[in-house]
C-alpha cells in the first residue's frame, strides 16, 4: 500500500451502520428497509422513521439517476486526486432514496438526469469497500 493510500479516511461503523458496511464487504449494495411498511432509508436507522418498525439491510440494484452533483477541483480528501465528481443519486427502488458517492465520469459530461449504476469497490488504505457510480450503459 502506498503512503498516499494510507491517508484515505476510513469509515467508523456504529451499531446502526454496521450491517450496511458488512453488505459492502460482501460486494453487495445493501440499504436499510423497514420490515413493516417497506420504506427504504439511507443512512441506516435503528427503527423506521415512518412507523417505528424493525429494519434490516436488503440488497438494491444500484441503478439510479443523478439528482445533483459537484465537481471537486481542489484537494480535500487525502487519497483522492481532483478533479472528480461527487453525485447525489436517487436509487430506482424508491423516490427520494438518495446515496451520495463518487461518480466516475468526465466532469464536463455529467448532467442532472443521467442514469448511473453503482459498483462496490475497495477503499484504499484499509479493508472497507464503498459504493461508487459509473454512467449506465
Protein backbone atom coordinates (compact mmCIF):
# COMPACT_ATOMS: atom_id res chain seq x y z
CA UNK A 1 0.00 0.00 0.00
CA UNK A 2 1.32 3.43 -0.89
CA UNK A 3 1.72 6.10 1.79
CA UNK A 4 -0.84 8.16 -0.15
CA UNK A 5 -3.50 5.43 0.04
CA UNK A 6 -2.83 5.00 3.76
CA UNK A 7 -4.10 8.58 4.25
CA UNK A 8 -7.57 7.83 2.86
CA UNK A 9 -10.14 8.32 5.65
CA UNK A 10 -11.82 5.08 6.72
CA UNK A 11 -15.41 4.61 7.95
CA UNK A 12 -16.15 4.14 11.63
CA UNK A 13 -19.18 1.82 11.69
CA UNK A 14 -21.60 2.12 14.58
CA UNK A 15 -24.47 -0.19 15.58
CA UNK A 16 -26.83 1.45 13.04
CA UNK A 17 -24.40 1.31 10.10
CA UNK A 18 -22.50 -1.95 10.74
CA UNK A 19 -24.84 -4.06 8.56
CA UNK A 20 -24.51 -1.53 5.71
CA UNK A 21 -20.71 -1.85 5.82
CA UNK A 22 -20.96 -5.63 6.15
CA UNK A 23 -23.07 -5.82 2.97
CA UNK A 24 -20.50 -3.74 1.09
CA UNK A 25 -17.77 -6.03 2.41
CA UNK A 26 -19.58 -8.90 0.68
CA UNK A 27 -19.64 -6.90 -2.57
CA UNK A 28 -23.35 -6.02 -2.32
CA UNK A 29 -25.02 -2.63 -2.01
CA UNK A 30 -27.47 -3.04 0.86
CA UNK A 31 -29.82 -0.31 2.04
CA UNK A 32 -31.85 -0.13 5.25
CA UNK A 33 -35.51 -1.13 4.77
CA UNK A 34 -38.42 -1.26 7.17
CA UNK A 35 -39.75 -4.77 7.61
CA UNK A 36 -43.22 -3.42 8.46
CA UNK A 37 -44.02 -0.68 5.91
CA UNK A 38 -41.23 -1.42 3.34
CA UNK A 39 -39.80 2.13 3.42
CA UNK A 40 -36.17 2.33 2.26
CA UNK A 41 -33.93 4.62 4.38
CA UNK A 42 -30.41 5.89 3.97
CA UNK A 43 -28.46 6.47 6.10
CA UNK A 44 -29.48 3.42 8.12
CA UNK A 45 -31.54 3.93 11.26
CA UNK A 46 -32.27 1.75 14.28
CA UNK A 47 -36.04 1.86 13.64
CA UNK A 48 -38.24 3.03 10.77
CA UNK A 49 -38.70 6.80 10.72
CA UNK A 50 -42.28 6.38 9.40
CA UNK A 51 -43.75 3.59 11.54
CA UNK A 52 -41.04 2.71 14.11
CA UNK A 53 -40.92 -0.83 12.68
CA UNK A 54 -37.92 -3.12 12.70
CA UNK A 55 -35.37 -2.58 9.91
CA UNK A 56 -32.90 -4.76 8.02
CA UNK A 57 -30.38 -4.29 5.23
CA UNK A 58 -31.64 -5.51 1.85
CA UNK A 59 -29.79 -5.57 -1.47
CA UNK A 60 -30.68 -2.97 -4.09
CA UNK A 61 -29.96 -2.85 -7.82
CA UNK A 62 -27.62 0.15 -7.59
CA UNK A 63 -29.33 1.70 -10.62
CA UNK A 64 -30.28 5.34 -10.27
CA UNK A 65 -30.44 8.86 -11.60
CA UNK A 66 -28.17 11.83 -10.84
CA UNK A 67 -30.21 14.45 -8.97
CA UNK A 68 -27.30 16.73 -8.05
CA UNK A 69 -23.53 16.77 -8.28
CA UNK A 70 -20.42 18.78 -7.59
CA UNK A 71 -17.03 18.76 -9.26
CA UNK A 72 -14.24 18.72 -6.69
CA UNK A 73 -11.35 20.70 -8.15
CA UNK A 74 -9.24 21.29 -5.04
CA UNK A 75 -7.67 18.52 -2.95
CA UNK A 76 -9.97 17.97 0.04
CA UNK A 77 -9.81 14.24 0.82
CA UNK A 78 -6.44 12.56 1.30
CA UNK A 79 -6.03 9.76 -1.21
CA UNK A 80 -8.34 11.26 -3.86
CA UNK A 81 -6.86 13.47 -6.57
CA UNK A 82 -9.06 16.12 -8.21
CA UNK A 83 -10.87 16.73 -10.37
CA UNK A 84 -13.60 14.23 -9.58
CA UNK A 85 -17.37 14.21 -9.37
CA UNK A 86 -19.43 13.58 -6.23
CA UNK A 87 -23.07 12.91 -7.09
CA UNK A 88 -26.33 12.57 -5.22
CA UNK A 89 -28.11 9.67 -6.88
CA UNK A 90 -31.75 8.74 -6.45
CA UNK A 91 -31.88 4.95 -6.42
CA UNK A 92 -34.59 3.39 -8.56
CA UNK A 93 -36.04 1.42 -5.65
CA UNK A 94 -37.83 4.45 -4.18
CA UNK A 95 -38.41 8.11 -4.91
CA UNK A 96 -36.32 10.18 -2.51
CA UNK A 97 -33.91 7.34 -1.68
CA UNK A 98 -30.58 9.08 -2.17
CA UNK A 99 -27.00 7.91 -1.98
CA UNK A 100 -24.02 10.27 -2.25
CA UNK A 101 -20.86 8.84 -3.80
CA UNK A 102 -18.08 9.41 -6.30
CA UNK A 103 -19.22 9.26 -9.93
CA UNK A 104 -16.54 8.10 -12.34
CA UNK A 105 -17.21 10.32 -15.33
CA UNK A 106 -15.61 13.30 -17.01
CA UNK A 107 -16.76 16.35 -15.03
CA UNK A 108 -17.96 18.19 -18.15
CA UNK A 109 -20.01 15.17 -19.26
CA UNK A 110 -22.17 14.85 -16.11
CA UNK A 111 -25.75 16.16 -16.10
CA UNK A 112 -28.70 16.02 -13.74
CA UNK A 113 -30.92 13.19 -15.01
CA UNK A 114 -28.04 10.96 -16.14
CA UNK A 115 -28.64 7.26 -15.50
CA UNK A 116 -25.89 5.63 -13.41
CA UNK A 117 -25.04 2.25 -11.92
CA UNK A 118 -23.35 1.61 -8.57
CA UNK A 119 -20.45 -0.73 -8.13
CA UNK A 120 -18.79 -1.78 -4.90
CA UNK A 121 -15.04 -1.07 -4.88
CA UNK A 122 -12.22 -1.34 -2.33
CA UNK A 123 -11.48 1.82 -0.36
CA UNK A 124 -7.70 2.39 -0.45
CA UNK A 125 -5.87 2.29 2.85
CA UNK A 126 -7.98 -0.28 4.67
CA UNK A 127 -10.31 -3.25 4.50
CA UNK A 128 -13.54 -1.42 3.63
CA UNK A 129 -15.46 -1.38 0.37
CA UNK A 130 -17.59 1.56 -0.78
CA UNK A 131 -20.21 2.25 -3.43
CA UNK A 132 -19.18 4.37 -6.40
CA UNK A 133 -21.12 5.15 -9.56
CA UNK A 134 -20.44 4.91 -13.28
CA UNK A 135 -22.59 6.02 -16.20
CA UNK A 136 -25.16 3.36 -17.06
CA UNK A 137 -24.57 1.55 -20.34
